Amino acid sequence: RHPSQKPVSVIGRLVLIGTRGGETVLDCFAGTGTTGVVAQSYGRKWVMIERDASYAAIARRRLAEDTVPFPEQLLQTRLPFDDPARDADSGQQPVLPWEPV
């Protein structure tokens, strides 16, 4: 267990908000590789730096074996916070800040 462990759901949101498919995610303090696993699962490249060999070994194993499913609600055409009435009034489709992979 890493002392600064982050939930996959939080890292997943950050990766989706901050990148598009195919872009590269940098994690300078990789720990056990959660950011890399999420990035790889969501179709992003990754660069990770970890100075502790035991954590780096865990990260390598996780990158080879683990995947994170893409959040189902993001695959829908409308998200829970979309307002169909507002979209109809504007005549425009909502713009999503990410591209589903």
Protein backbone atom coordinates (compact mmCIF):
# COMPACT_ATOMS: atom_id res chain seq x y z
CA ARG A 1 0.00 0.00 0.00
CA HIS A 2 1.43 3.36 -1.09
CA PRO A 3 1.28 6.22 1.46
CA SER A 4 -0.22 8.64 -1.09
CA GLN A 5 -2.69 6.33 -2.81
CA LYS A 6 -5.28 8.04 -5.06
CA PRO A 7 -8.67 6.57 -6.04
CA VAL A 8 -8.90 5.36 -9.64
CA SER A 9 -12.14 7.36 -10.04
CA VAL A 10 -10.35 10.63 -9.22
CA ILE A 11 -7.39 9.92 -11.50
CA GLY A 12 -9.79 8.84 -14.25
CA ARG A 13 -11.65 12.13 -14.11
CA LEU A 14 -8.41 14.10 -14.24
CA VAL A 15 -7.14 12.13 -17.23
CA LEU A 16 -10.41 12.60 -19.12
CA ILE A 17 -10.66 16.31 -18.31
CA GLY A 18 -7.03 17.08 -19.13
CA THR A 19 -6.32 14.97 -22.22
CA ARG A 20 -7.71 13.65 -25.46
CA GLY A 21 -7.22 10.14 -26.83
CA GLY A 22 -3.64 9.53 -27.95
CA GLU A 23 -2.12 12.33 -25.86
CA THR A 24 0.54 11.69 -23.23
CA VAL A 25 0.10 11.84 -19.45
CA LEU A 26 3.14 12.59 -17.26
CA ASP A 27 3.29 11.35 -13.66
CA CYS A 28 6.53 12.43 -11.95
CA PHE A 29 5.70 10.53 -8.76
CA ALA A 30 4.22 7.32 -10.18
CA GLY A 31 4.05 5.19 -7.05
CA THR A 32 2.22 1.97 -7.92
CA GLY A 33 1.17 3.25 -11.35
CA THR A 34 -2.49 4.20 -11.00
CA THR A 35 -2.15 7.16 -13.37
CA GLY A 36 -0.42 5.01 -16.00
CA VAL A 37 -3.01 2.24 -15.74
CA VAL A 38 -5.86 4.73 -16.15
CA ALA A 39 -4.12 6.56 -19.02
CA GLN A 40 -3.37 3.29 -20.84
CA SER A 41 -6.94 2.04 -20.30
CA TYR A 42 -8.39 5.27 -21.74
CA GLY A 43 -6.22 5.26 -24.87
CA ARG A 44 -3.57 7.70 -23.67
CA LYS A 45 0.20 7.28 -23.68
CA TRP A 46 2.03 7.71 -20.40
CA VAL A 47 5.40 8.61 -18.95
CA MET A 48 5.95 7.72 -15.29
CA ILE A 49 8.86 8.37 -12.97
CA GLU A 50 9.30 6.46 -9.71
CA ARG A 51 12.52 6.26 -7.68
CA ASP A 52 11.46 3.40 -5.38
CA ALA A 53 12.21 0.11 -7.15
CA SER A 54 9.55 -1.83 -5.22
CA TYR A 55 6.80 0.60 -6.27
CA ALA A 56 8.11 0.63 -9.86
CA ALA A 57 7.86 -3.18 -9.93
CA ILE A 58 4.25 -3.01 -8.77
CA ALA A 59 3.51 -0.39 -11.43
CA ARG A 60 5.04 -2.57 -14.17
CA ARG A 61 2.89 -5.53 -13.08
CA ARG A 62 -0.26 -3.39 -12.96
CA LEU A 63 0.42 -1.94 -16.42
CA ALA A 64 0.74 -5.46 -17.82
CA GLU A 65 -2.32 -6.91 -16.04
CA ASP A 66 -4.81 -4.21 -14.99
CA THR A 67 -7.34 -2.19 -16.96
CA VAL A 68 -9.90 0.39 -15.88
CA PRO A 69 -13.29 0.39 -17.63
CA PHE A 70 -14.33 3.61 -19.33
CA PRO A 71 -17.10 5.29 -17.29
CA GLU A 72 -20.41 4.17 -18.83
CA GLN A 73 -22.16 7.50 -18.27
CA LEU A 74 -19.60 9.18 -20.55
CA LEU A 75 -20.54 6.87 -23.41
CA GLN A 76 -24.14 8.15 -23.39
CA THR A 77 -25.10 10.91 -25.81
CA ARG A 78 -26.53 13.00 -22.95
CA LEU A 79 -25.06 13.33 -19.50
CA PRO A 80 -27.16 13.79 -16.35
CA PHE A 81 -26.24 17.49 -16.12
CA ASP A 82 -27.25 18.30 -19.72
CA ASP A 83 -30.37 20.45 -20.06
CA PRO A 84 -32.28 19.45 -23.23
CA ALA A 85 -34.43 22.60 -23.07
CA ARG A 86 -31.36 24.84 -23.04
CA ASP A 87 -29.83 22.94 -25.96
CA ALA A 88 -33.07 23.21 -27.96
CA ASP A 89 -33.23 26.97 -27.35
CA SER A 90 -29.66 27.53 -28.49
CA GLY A 91 -29.95 25.30 -31.56
CA GLN A 92 -26.55 23.82 -30.70
CA GLN A 93 -25.44 20.42 -29.51
CA PRO A 94 -23.55 20.33 -26.20
CA VAL A 95 -19.77 20.24 -26.56
CA LEU A 96 -18.03 17.62 -24.45
CA PRO A 97 -14.49 18.33 -23.19
CA TRP A 98 -13.39 14.78 -23.99
CA GLU A 99 -13.59 12.22 -26.77
CA PRO A 100 -14.87 8.76 -25.82
CA VAL A 101 -12.37 6.08 -26.81
